[in-house]
């Protein structure tokens, strides 16, 4: 056995052969992947999320072995499994004393990076933590962009990324004459429109084994594990991307904000989980979407809107997370303190929109961005739910959720807990917005047209109750000048009715 061997740890969301931890892998090195209880339970992850990642990890281990790498794969049920990543590194070191260094790509969560930074002392072996270069914007580049700016506006960051990558650019100008086509992407889904038919795939033997494992070991976790239809290999993930580009992208832009009862996917790509775990490359995905516009197979509003989600939002929230952590997670600008309602787990609520969003999440470990922001996020904002409880829910229920992407989106965008680092105002909305963008209200137990009383849509009075409760904190926000002018004109009786309805509702759902 040769000296100078390297132990290379690959995490469950680093399933790419191009990871920085693997780029100089040579004969004699050992690649370690491990299913460990700590990572499956630090929050009680959705059963389908665990199954997706364990199966994708096992398939990736096979891919690496097929490419000639020496792989040590530790299954959750293997005898001696320590239950933690550090424990599995320690076991590998003890069983083979010839390793001269440990190499790992930086994790996507602050808690894990902090732990790894202590491994040099723990193992008495040099630990090299390399940059995760799967992202389009290196962290140093983001920090340079952020330095000295009073406001870290995603739109301006996005424009710089467009210029630097050349995506959707005509020289130094954006194609189509404008940077952002969001105004064209807010249409309600019309009746009778044909939705793409998504083909089902049968889980292979590896996935079947994982499903049985998850049912056995995590059966009390949230969520449905079957039917299981997600890609767990690089090729099947590419097939799902191709399906989106050909069948969904042409209509994606128009209807990306639409919501329809019992329709989880509409024209959405449903590939964020593949990008975030390494099965798809974000730059290649953006280039593939750009090629559809260049070939005149998809309109500019659809392609720009899709690329903005990746090149803009995804890169921006990752940079913001690492720039602001760990203090960022502790802020609670609105001093929200209520508990997360039970119906976030049970879907047992008369609010049709919330019920559908939670049921979709339970079935698929997925909900699209408007359901997350303007239904479950909006309700938590209006109800004043403590941020940490909401953030833990988002982190555990969605298959694409890791703290680097979940925390800024929930903390900053959905809850305004950062006081405006990300958003210029809270994304608060009444039932009118939900009615405009969905078909939920037509068959809801509540009336979206009623503003007060036990039959009124709770979003209606909760919106104004939110404005009342947070008046001292938000009244100076220029983007909220109109609602606060309207509030100032309300009679004392109207304000009292809003408060009474809100107090009654909070008591009904057990978070008063």
Protein backbone atom coordinates (compact mmCIF):
# COMPACT_ATOMS: atom_id res chain seq x y z
CA UNK A 1 0.00 0.00 0.00
CA UNK A 2 1.53 3.30 -1.08
CA UNK A 3 2.28 6.17 1.27
CA UNK A 4 0.74 9.61 0.92
CA UNK A 5 -2.80 8.44 0.46
CA UNK A 6 -5.72 10.88 0.74
CA UNK A 7 -9.08 10.22 2.33
CA UNK A 8 -11.67 12.13 0.34
CA UNK A 9 -15.04 12.67 2.02
CA UNK A 10 -17.99 13.33 -0.28
CA UNK A 11 -21.22 14.60 1.29
CA UNK A 12 -24.73 13.64 0.27
CA UNK A 13 -25.31 16.92 -1.58
CA UNK A 14 -21.98 16.71 -3.45
CA UNK A 15 -22.84 14.02 -5.97
CA UNK A 16 -20.78 15.32 -8.88
CA UNK A 17 -17.59 13.78 -10.30
CA UNK A 18 -16.33 17.34 -10.78
CA UNK A 19 -16.36 18.18 -7.06
CA UNK A 20 -13.25 20.03 -5.92
CA UNK A 21 -12.62 17.22 -3.43
CA UNK A 22 -12.24 14.76 -6.32
CA UNK A 23 -10.42 16.84 -8.91
CA UNK A 24 -6.93 15.50 -8.18
CA UNK A 25 -7.99 12.05 -6.98
CA UNK A 26 -5.35 9.50 -7.86
CA UNK A 27 -4.56 5.81 -7.45
CA UNK A 28 -4.43 4.82 -3.81
CA UNK A 29 -6.83 7.52 -2.59
CA UNK A 30 -10.06 6.46 -0.91
CA UNK A 31 -13.42 8.15 -1.51
CA UNK A 32 -15.73 7.98 1.51
CA UNK A 33 -19.51 8.37 1.36
CA UNK A 34 -21.63 7.60 4.41
CA UNK A 35 -25.29 7.46 5.32
CA UNK A 36 -25.34 8.65 8.93
CA UNK A 37 -28.11 9.14 11.42
CA UNK A 38 -26.90 12.58 12.50
CA UNK A 39 -27.43 14.07 9.05
CA UNK A 40 -30.79 12.34 8.59
CA UNK A 41 -32.16 13.55 11.92
CA UNK A 42 -30.58 16.89 12.94
CA UNK A 43 -33.96 17.94 11.68
CA UNK A 44 -36.53 15.22 11.04
CA UNK A 45 -36.25 15.27 7.25
CA UNK A 46 -39.15 14.27 5.01
CA UNK A 47 -39.06 10.55 4.30
CA UNK A 48 -38.95 11.14 0.55
CA UNK A 49 -36.02 13.55 0.96
CA UNK A 50 -34.00 10.95 2.86
CA UNK A 51 -34.87 8.25 0.32
CA UNK A 52 -33.93 10.52 -2.58
CA UNK A 53 -30.54 11.38 -1.13
CA UNK A 54 -29.62 7.89 0.07
CA UNK A 55 -30.53 6.38 -3.28
CA UNK A 56 -28.70 9.12 -5.21
CA UNK A 57 -25.65 8.61 -2.99
CA UNK A 58 -25.63 4.86 -3.62
CA UNK A 59 -25.95 5.35 -7.36
CA UNK A 60 -23.17 7.95 -7.30
CA UNK A 61 -20.90 5.56 -5.42
CA UNK A 62 -21.48 3.09 -8.25
CA UNK A 63 -20.66 5.81 -10.78
CA UNK A 64 -17.37 6.56 -9.02
CA UNK A 65 -16.48 2.89 -8.76
CA UNK A 66 -17.21 2.45 -12.45
CA UNK A 67 -14.83 5.35 -13.17
CA UNK A 68 -12.04 3.54 -11.36
CA UNK A 69 -12.13 5.17 -7.93
CA UNK A 70 -11.63 3.21 -4.71
CA UNK A 71 -14.87 3.88 -2.81
CA UNK A 72 -15.80 3.14 0.79
CA UNK A 73 -19.59 3.38 1.03
CA UNK A 74 -21.15 3.11 4.47
CA UNK A 75 -24.83 2.24 4.57
CA UNK A 76 -26.97 3.31 7.49
CA UNK A 77 -27.44 -0.31 8.55
CA UNK A 78 -23.80 -1.35 8.26
CA UNK A 79 -22.31 -2.86 11.39
CA UNK A 80 -20.14 -0.33 13.18
CA UNK A 81 -21.77 2.74 11.58
CA UNK A 82 -20.93 5.49 14.05
CA UNK A 83 -23.91 7.64 13.10
CA UNK A 84 -21.91 10.77 12.25
CA UNK A 85 -19.67 12.02 9.46
CA UNK A 86 -16.82 12.70 11.88
CA UNK A 87 -17.24 9.21 13.30
CA UNK A 88 -17.01 7.64 9.84
CA UNK A 89 -13.89 9.65 9.01
CA UNK A 90 -12.39 8.50 12.30
CA UNK A 91 -13.27 4.85 11.59
CA UNK A 92 -11.65 5.03 8.16
CA UNK A 93 -8.50 6.57 9.64
CA UNK A 94 -8.26 3.93 12.37
CA UNK A 95 -8.77 1.04 9.95
CA UNK A 96 -6.09 2.32 7.61
CA UNK A 97 -3.27 4.34 9.13
CA UNK A 98 -1.65 5.36 5.86
CA UNK A 99 -3.74 8.44 5.11
CA UNK A 100 -1.69 11.63 5.16
CA UNK A 101 -4.54 14.07 4.64
CA UNK A 102 -8.30 14.44 4.52
CA UNK A 103 -9.88 16.37 1.67
CA UNK A 104 -13.49 17.56 1.59
CA UNK A 105 -15.43 20.17 -0.32
CA UNK A 106 -16.91 22.84 1.94
CA UNK A 107 -20.39 21.86 3.14
CA UNK A 108 -23.48 23.94 2.48
CA UNK A 109 -24.38 24.43 6.13
CA UNK A 110 -22.59 26.58 8.68
CA UNK A 111 -23.00 24.05 11.52
CA UNK A 112 -21.11 21.41 9.52
CA UNK A 113 -18.36 23.76 8.36
CA UNK A 114 -17.79 24.83 11.96
CA UNK A 115 -17.45 21.17 12.96
CA UNK A 116 -15.07 20.36 10.11
CA UNK A 117 -12.83 23.28 11.01
CA UNK A 118 -12.05 21.41 14.24
CA UNK A 119 -11.12 18.15 12.53
CA UNK A 120 -7.42 19.01 12.25
CA UNK A 121 -7.12 18.83 16.03
CA UNK A 122 -9.50 15.91 16.42
CA UNK A 123 -7.82 13.58 13.92
CA UNK A 124 -4.22 14.82 14.03
CA UNK A 125 -4.25 14.63 10.22
CA UNK A 126 -4.27 17.73 7.99
CA UNK A 127 -7.76 18.54 6.72
CA UNK A 128 -8.15 20.48 3.49
CA UNK A 129 -11.60 22.10 3.11
CA UNK A 130 -11.88 23.15 -0.52
CA UNK A 131 -14.22 25.68 -2.06
CA UNK A 132 -17.42 24.36 -3.56
CA UNK A 133 -16.84 25.48 -7.14
CA UNK A 134 -20.09 24.09 -8.53
CA UNK A 135 -21.56 27.55 -8.09
CA UNK A 136 -21.30 30.16 -10.82
CA UNK A 137 -20.28 32.96 -8.45
CA UNK A 138 -17.37 32.22 -6.09
CA UNK A 139 -17.91 33.45 -2.54
CA UNK A 140 -15.00 35.90 -2.81
CA UNK A 141 -16.65 37.40 -5.90
CA UNK A 142 -19.95 37.80 -4.05
CA UNK A 143 -18.22 39.40 -1.09
CA UNK A 144 -16.48 41.88 -3.40
CA UNK A 145 -19.84 42.75 -4.93
CA UNK A 146 -21.47 43.20 -1.51
CA UNK A 147 -18.69 45.29 0.03
CA UNK A 148 -19.70 48.87 0.69
CA UNK A 149 -23.27 48.47 -0.57
CA UNK A 150 -26.06 49.81 1.63
CA UNK A 151 -28.57 47.42 0.04
CA UNK A 152 -27.77 43.99 -1.34
CA UNK A 153 -30.36 43.98 -4.12
CA UNK A 154 -30.58 40.68 -5.96
CA UNK A 155 -31.53 42.42 -9.19
CA UNK A 156 -28.23 44.29 -9.40
CA UNK A 157 -26.24 41.19 -8.50
CA UNK A 158 -28.14 39.29 -11.21
CA UNK A 159 -27.26 41.88 -13.83
CA UNK A 160 -23.58 41.57 -13.00
CA UNK A 161 -23.83 37.78 -13.30
CA UNK A 162 -25.48 38.18 -16.70
CA UNK A 163 -22.64 40.42 -17.87
CA UNK A 164 -19.95 38.10 -16.50
CA UNK A 165 -21.43 34.89 -17.91
CA UNK A 166 -22.78 36.34 -21.15
CA UNK A 167 -26.06 34.52 -20.57
CA UNK A 168 -28.92 36.19 -22.46
CA UNK A 169 -26.67 39.05 -23.49
CA UNK A 170 -26.26 40.87 -26.80
CA UNK A 171 -22.87 42.46 -26.32
CA UNK A 172 -23.24 44.60 -23.21
CA UNK A 173 -27.05 44.76 -23.50
CA UNK A 174 -29.62 42.23 -22.31
CA UNK A 175 -31.40 40.37 -25.08
CA UNK A 176 -34.95 41.58 -25.55
CA UNK A 177 -34.01 45.06 -24.39
CA UNK A 178 -34.61 44.55 -20.67
CA UNK A 179 -33.07 42.63 -17.80
CA UNK A 180 -36.19 41.28 -16.19
CA UNK A 181 -39.47 40.09 -17.69
CA UNK A 182 -41.19 39.37 -14.39
CA UNK A 183 -44.19 41.52 -15.26
CA UNK A 184 -45.03 39.01 -18.02
CA UNK A 185 -44.86 36.05 -15.63
CA UNK A 186 -47.89 36.60 -13.40
CA UNK A 187 -50.79 34.99 -15.19
CA UNK A 188 -53.41 32.81 -13.60
CA UNK A 189 -53.70 29.39 -15.23
CA UNK A 190 -56.66 29.52 -17.65
CA UNK A 191 -59.28 26.81 -17.56
CA UNK A 192 -58.79 24.03 -20.07
CA UNK A 193 -55.10 24.54 -20.67
CA UNK A 194 -53.31 21.23 -21.17
CA UNK A 195 -50.63 20.52 -18.60
CA UNK A 196 -47.54 18.42 -19.42
CA UNK A 197 -47.92 14.72 -18.74
CA UNK A 198 -45.03 13.65 -16.56
CA UNK A 199 -44.02 10.06 -17.10
CA UNK A 200 -43.70 7.84 -14.07
CA UNK A 201 -40.65 5.70 -13.48
CA UNK A 202 -40.42 2.55 -11.45
CA UNK A 203 -37.82 2.66 -8.66
CA UNK A 204 -34.91 0.31 -9.34
CA UNK A 205 -33.65 -2.28 -6.84
CA UNK A 206 -31.33 0.21 -5.13
CA UNK A 207 -34.12 2.71 -4.60
CA UNK A 208 -36.51 -0.04 -3.46
CA UNK A 209 -33.99 -1.10 -0.84
CA UNK A 210 -33.63 2.49 0.33
CA UNK A 211 -37.41 2.98 0.51
CA UNK A 212 -37.68 -0.06 2.77
CA UNK A 213 -34.84 1.25 4.91
CA UNK A 214 -36.47 4.67 5.30
CA UNK A 215 -39.86 3.19 6.16
CA UNK A 216 -38.16 1.03 8.78
CA UNK A 217 -35.86 3.61 10.36
CA UNK A 218 -37.71 6.88 9.73
CA UNK A 219 -41.32 5.75 9.57
CA UNK A 220 -42.43 8.41 12.04
CA UNK A 221 -40.96 11.27 10.00
CA UNK A 222 -43.20 13.65 8.06
CA UNK A 223 -44.23 12.88 4.49
CA UNK A 224 -45.22 10.19 2.01
CA UNK A 225 -42.43 8.10 0.55
CA UNK A 226 -44.46 6.54 -2.26
CA UNK A 227 -45.09 6.89 -5.05
CA UNK A 228 -41.41 7.69 -5.65
CA UNK A 229 -40.79 9.24 -9.04
CA UNK A 230 -37.65 11.34 -8.67
CA UNK A 231 -34.43 10.84 -10.59
CA UNK A 232 -31.58 9.37 -8.57
CA UNK A 233 -28.89 9.20 -11.27
CA UNK A 234 -27.19 11.82 -13.40
CA UNK A 235 -28.73 10.48 -16.61
CA UNK A 236 -32.31 10.37 -15.31
CA UNK A 237 -31.89 13.88 -13.90
CA UNK A 238 -30.78 15.00 -17.37
CA UNK A 239 -33.86 13.30 -18.78
CA UNK A 240 -36.04 15.33 -16.42
CA UNK A 241 -34.26 18.51 -17.50
CA UNK A 242 -34.88 17.64 -21.15
CA UNK A 243 -38.56 17.06 -20.40
CA UNK A 244 -38.80 20.48 -18.80
CA UNK A 245 -37.05 22.23 -21.68
CA UNK A 246 -39.22 20.65 -24.36
CA UNK A 247 -42.59 20.23 -22.64
CA UNK A 248 -42.75 22.91 -19.93
CA UNK A 249 -40.40 25.83 -20.58
CA UNK A 250 -42.45 27.47 -23.36
CA UNK A 251 -45.30 28.09 -20.88
CA UNK A 252 -43.24 28.29 -17.71
CA UNK A 253 -42.85 32.06 -17.75
CA UNK A 254 -46.52 32.95 -18.17
CA UNK A 255 -47.74 30.64 -15.42
CA UNK A 256 -44.81 30.30 -13.01
CA UNK A 257 -46.74 32.14 -10.28
CA UNK A 258 -50.03 30.29 -10.83
CA UNK A 259 -51.44 27.85 -8.28
CA UNK A 260 -53.99 25.10 -8.96
CA UNK A 261 -55.57 22.69 -6.50
CA UNK A 262 -54.15 19.15 -6.73
CA UNK A 263 -51.63 20.16 -9.42
CA UNK A 264 -48.21 20.14 -7.81
CA UNK A 265 -45.94 20.72 -10.80
CA UNK A 266 -47.77 22.68 -13.53
CA UNK A 267 -45.01 23.93 -15.91
CA UNK A 268 -42.25 23.96 -13.29
CA UNK A 269 -38.93 22.22 -13.79
CA UNK A 270 -38.83 20.26 -10.48
CA UNK A 271 -35.03 20.00 -10.85
CA UNK A 272 -33.83 22.15 -7.95
CA UNK A 273 -33.19 19.03 -5.86
CA UNK A 274 -30.96 17.67 -8.65
CA UNK A 275 -28.97 20.89 -8.94
CA UNK A 276 -28.59 21.26 -5.19
CA UNK A 277 -27.28 17.72 -4.66
CA UNK A 278 -24.91 17.76 -7.65
CA UNK A 279 -26.70 15.62 -10.23
CA UNK A 280 -27.09 18.64 -12.54
CA UNK A 281 -24.70 21.53 -13.11
CA UNK A 282 -26.34 24.98 -12.71
CA UNK A 283 -24.32 26.67 -15.46
CA UNK A 284 -25.11 23.87 -17.91
CA UNK A 285 -28.81 24.09 -17.01
CA UNK A 286 -28.84 27.84 -17.72
CA UNK A 287 -27.05 27.32 -21.03
CA UNK A 288 -29.53 24.63 -22.04
CA UNK A 289 -32.44 26.99 -21.34
CA UNK A 290 -30.71 29.79 -23.28
CA UNK A 291 -30.34 27.42 -26.24
CA UNK A 292 -34.12 26.93 -26.28
CA UNK A 293 -34.60 30.68 -26.69
CA UNK A 294 -31.92 30.91 -29.34
CA UNK A 295 -33.64 28.11 -31.27
CA UNK A 296 -36.96 30.00 -30.93
CA UNK A 297 -38.54 27.11 -29.05
CA UNK A 298 -39.23 29.13 -25.88
CA UNK A 299 -40.07 32.82 -25.36
CA UNK A 300 -37.73 35.25 -23.66
CA UNK A 301 -39.96 35.82 -20.62
CA UNK A 302 -39.91 32.09 -19.84
CA UNK A 303 -36.19 31.61 -20.38
CA UNK A 304 -35.16 34.78 -18.56
CA UNK A 305 -37.46 33.97 -15.63
CA UNK A 306 -36.02 30.48 -15.33
CA UNK A 307 -32.38 31.57 -15.63
CA UNK A 308 -33.00 34.30 -13.05
CA UNK A 309 -34.05 31.67 -10.52
CA UNK A 310 -30.67 29.96 -10.88
CA UNK A 311 -28.16 32.64 -11.91
CA UNK A 312 -29.90 35.28 -9.82
CA UNK A 313 -31.68 33.94 -6.76
CA UNK A 314 -29.77 30.70 -6.20
CA UNK A 315 -26.36 32.32 -6.44
CA UNK A 316 -27.49 35.37 -4.47
CA UNK A 317 -28.94 33.54 -1.48
CA UNK A 318 -25.87 31.32 -1.23
CA UNK A 319 -23.58 34.35 -1.19
CA UNK A 320 -25.77 36.15 1.32
CA UNK A 321 -25.88 33.11 3.61
CA UNK A 322 -22.11 32.82 3.89
CA UNK A 323 -21.66 36.59 4.09
CA UNK A 324 -24.06 37.01 7.03
CA UNK A 325 -23.80 33.80 9.03
CA UNK A 326 -23.93 32.93 11.89
CA UNK A 327 -25.55 36.10 13.26
CA UNK A 328 -28.06 36.24 10.41
CA UNK A 329 -29.98 33.20 11.69
CA UNK A 330 -30.54 34.83 15.09
CA UNK A 331 -32.31 37.98 13.93
CA UNK A 332 -36.03 38.44 14.53
CA UNK A 333 -36.77 41.96 13.35
CA UNK A 334 -40.55 41.67 13.75
CA UNK A 335 -40.22 40.00 17.17
CA UNK A 336 -42.47 37.16 15.99
CA UNK A 337 -43.22 34.74 18.80
CA UNK A 338 -46.23 32.54 18.00
CA UNK A 339 -45.97 28.77 17.56
CA UNK A 340 -46.12 27.03 14.19
CA UNK A 341 -49.71 25.76 13.77
CA UNK A 342 -50.29 22.01 13.79
CA UNK A 343 -51.80 22.13 10.31
CA UNK A 344 -48.32 22.63 8.82
CA UNK A 345 -47.96 18.92 9.61
CA UNK A 346 -51.53 17.64 9.34
CA UNK A 347 -53.04 19.84 6.59
CA UNK A 348 -56.12 19.89 8.83
CA UNK A 349 -57.32 23.40 8.08
CA UNK A 350 -60.34 24.93 6.39
CA UNK A 351 -58.08 27.29 4.42
CA UNK A 352 -58.05 25.59 1.00
CA UNK A 353 -54.79 27.21 -0.11
CA UNK A 354 -52.82 26.21 2.98
CA UNK A 355 -54.32 22.73 2.96
CA UNK A 356 -53.30 22.15 -0.65
CA UNK A 357 -49.79 23.52 -0.14
CA UNK A 358 -49.20 21.29 2.90
CA UNK A 359 -50.73 18.23 1.20
CA UNK A 360 -48.53 18.84 -1.85
CA UNK A 361 -45.49 19.14 0.41
CA UNK A 362 -46.40 15.97 2.29
CA UNK A 363 -46.86 13.98 -0.92
CA UNK A 364 -43.90 15.23 -2.92
CA UNK A 365 -41.34 16.87 -0.59
CA UNK A 366 -41.87 19.70 -3.04
CA UNK A 367 -43.99 22.81 -3.56
CA UNK A 368 -43.25 25.52 -6.07
CA UNK A 369 -41.89 28.91 -5.10
CA UNK A 370 -45.19 30.81 -4.93
CA UNK A 371 -46.78 28.18 -2.72
CA UNK A 372 -43.76 28.46 -0.43
CA UNK A 373 -43.56 32.26 -0.41
CA UNK A 374 -47.16 33.40 -0.71
CA UNK A 375 -49.09 30.59 1.00
CA UNK A 376 -47.15 28.87 3.80
CA UNK A 377 -44.60 31.67 4.08
CA UNK A 378 -47.15 34.46 3.89
CA UNK A 379 -49.34 32.84 6.52
CA UNK A 380 -46.38 32.43 8.90
CA UNK A 381 -45.46 36.07 8.35
CA UNK A 382 -48.97 37.36 8.98
CA UNK A 383 -49.43 35.12 12.01
CA UNK A 384 -46.13 36.19 13.54
CA UNK A 385 -44.72 32.68 13.85
CA UNK A 386 -41.27 32.51 15.42
CA UNK A 387 -38.71 32.32 12.59
CA UNK A 388 -36.73 29.32 13.84
CA UNK A 389 -39.86 27.14 13.87
CA UNK A 390 -40.77 28.11 10.30
CA UNK A 391 -37.21 27.65 9.09
CA UNK A 392 -36.91 24.20 10.60
CA UNK A 393 -40.15 23.22 8.86
CA UNK A 394 -38.92 24.40 5.45
CA UNK A 395 -35.54 22.75 5.96
CA UNK A 396 -36.98 19.35 6.73
CA UNK A 397 -39.99 19.13 4.39
CA UNK A 398 -38.40 19.94 1.01
CA UNK A 399 -36.06 17.66 -0.92
CA UNK A 400 -34.08 20.62 -2.30
CA UNK A 401 -33.59 22.27 1.10
CA UNK A 402 -30.18 22.80 2.65
CA UNK A 403 -29.58 25.63 5.08
CA UNK A 404 -27.58 27.78 2.63
CA UNK A 405 -30.63 28.07 0.35
CA UNK A 406 -33.48 27.57 2.81
CA UNK A 407 -32.48 30.02 5.51
CA UNK A 408 -32.15 33.25 3.46
CA UNK A 409 -35.28 32.49 1.46
CA UNK A 410 -37.34 31.81 4.58
CA UNK A 411 -35.71 34.21 7.02
CA UNK A 412 -35.34 37.12 4.64
CA UNK A 413 -37.93 36.73 1.89
CA UNK A 414 -40.83 34.95 3.55
CA UNK A 415 -40.57 36.26 7.13
CA UNK A 416 -38.71 39.60 6.86
CA UNK A 417 -36.89 38.47 10.00
CA UNK A 418 -33.69 40.15 8.78
CA UNK A 419 -35.37 43.56 8.71
CA UNK A 420 -34.82 44.13 5.01
CA UNK A 421 -31.41 42.71 4.17
CA UNK A 422 -32.97 40.74 1.30
CA UNK A 423 -36.38 42.26 0.63
CA UNK A 424 -37.35 45.92 0.51
CA UNK A 425 -40.64 45.14 2.25
CA UNK A 426 -42.41 42.14 3.78
CA UNK A 427 -44.11 39.85 1.25
CA UNK A 428 -47.43 40.21 3.02
CA UNK A 429 -50.62 39.65 1.06
CA UNK A 430 -54.33 39.27 1.72
CA UNK A 431 -56.68 36.73 0.19
CA UNK A 432 -57.08 38.90 -2.92
CA UNK A 433 -53.61 37.93 -4.16
CA UNK A 434 -54.26 34.23 -3.60
CA UNK A 435 -57.57 34.48 -5.41
CA UNK A 436 -55.96 36.29 -8.32
CA UNK A 437 -53.26 33.63 -8.80
CA UNK A 438 -55.15 30.41 -7.99
CA UNK A 439 -58.39 28.46 -8.02
CA UNK A 440 -58.26 27.80 -4.27
CA UNK A 441 -60.79 30.37 -3.15
CA UNK A 442 -63.68 29.07 -5.26
CA UNK A 443 -64.10 25.97 -3.11
CA UNK A 444 -62.81 27.25 0.22
CA UNK A 445 -64.83 27.17 3.44
CA UNK A 446 -64.01 30.84 3.87
CA UNK A 447 -65.11 33.72 1.66
CA UNK A 448 -62.33 35.71 0.08
CA UNK A 449 -64.71 38.63 -0.47
CA UNK A 450 -65.52 38.95 3.23
CA UNK A 451 -63.12 41.05 5.29
CA UNK A 452 -64.35 40.28 8.80
CA UNK A 453 -66.27 37.66 10.70
CA UNK A 454 -65.89 33.92 11.14
CA UNK A 455 -66.65 33.28 7.46
CA UNK A 456 -64.08 35.77 6.18
CA UNK A 457 -60.83 34.59 4.63
CA UNK A 458 -58.30 34.65 7.50
CA UNK A 459 -55.67 36.15 5.19
CA UNK A 460 -57.85 39.27 4.91
CA UNK A 461 -57.98 40.29 8.56
CA UNK A 462 -54.59 38.77 9.37
CA UNK A 463 -53.02 41.05 6.75
CA UNK A 464 -54.30 44.14 8.53
CA UNK A 465 -53.59 42.68 11.95
CA UNK A 466 -49.98 42.20 10.80
CA UNK A 467 -49.83 45.84 9.78
CA UNK A 468 -51.25 46.90 13.14
CA UNK A 469 -48.97 44.68 15.23
CA UNK A 470 -45.87 45.85 13.35
CA UNK A 471 -46.78 49.49 12.83
CA UNK A 472 -43.89 50.84 14.91
CA UNK A 473 -41.39 48.69 13.00
CA UNK A 474 -42.74 49.12 9.48
CA UNK A 475 -44.50 52.46 9.19
CA UNK A 476 -41.32 54.16 8.01
CA UNK A 477 -40.95 51.76 5.08
CA UNK A 478 -41.73 53.78 1.96
CA UNK A 479 -43.05 50.74 0.12
CA UNK A 480 -45.74 50.35 2.78
CA UNK A 481 -46.89 53.96 2.73
CA UNK A 482 -50.14 53.16 0.93
CA UNK A 483 -51.39 50.40 3.25
CA UNK A 484 -50.50 52.51 6.27
CA UNK A 485 -52.41 55.46 4.82
CA UNK A 486 -55.38 53.14 4.37
CA UNK A 487 -54.98 51.86 7.92
CA UNK A 488 -54.95 55.39 9.27
CA UNK A 489 -58.35 56.00 7.65
CA UNK A 490 -60.00 52.96 9.23
CA UNK A 491 -62.55 53.54 11.95
CA UNK A 492 -61.90 52.40 15.50
CA UNK A 493 -64.65 49.82 15.06
CA UNK A 494 -62.97 48.39 11.96
CA UNK A 495 -59.59 48.15 13.69
CA UNK A 496 -61.22 46.50 16.71
CA UNK A 497 -62.95 43.95 14.44
CA UNK A 498 -59.62 43.09 12.78
CA UNK A 499 -57.96 42.53 16.16
CA UNK A 500 -60.91 40.52 17.50
CA UNK A 501 -61.09 38.28 14.40
CA UNK A 502 -57.34 37.67 14.54
CA UNK A 503 -57.37 36.85 18.27
CA UNK A 504 -60.31 34.48 17.78
CA UNK A 505 -58.59 32.74 14.86
CA UNK A 506 -55.26 32.38 16.67
CA UNK A 507 -57.13 30.82 19.60
CA UNK A 508 -58.96 28.43 17.24
CA UNK A 509 -55.70 27.14 15.74
CA UNK A 510 -53.91 26.96 19.08
CA UNK A 511 -51.27 29.68 18.69
CA UNK A 512 -52.85 32.57 20.64
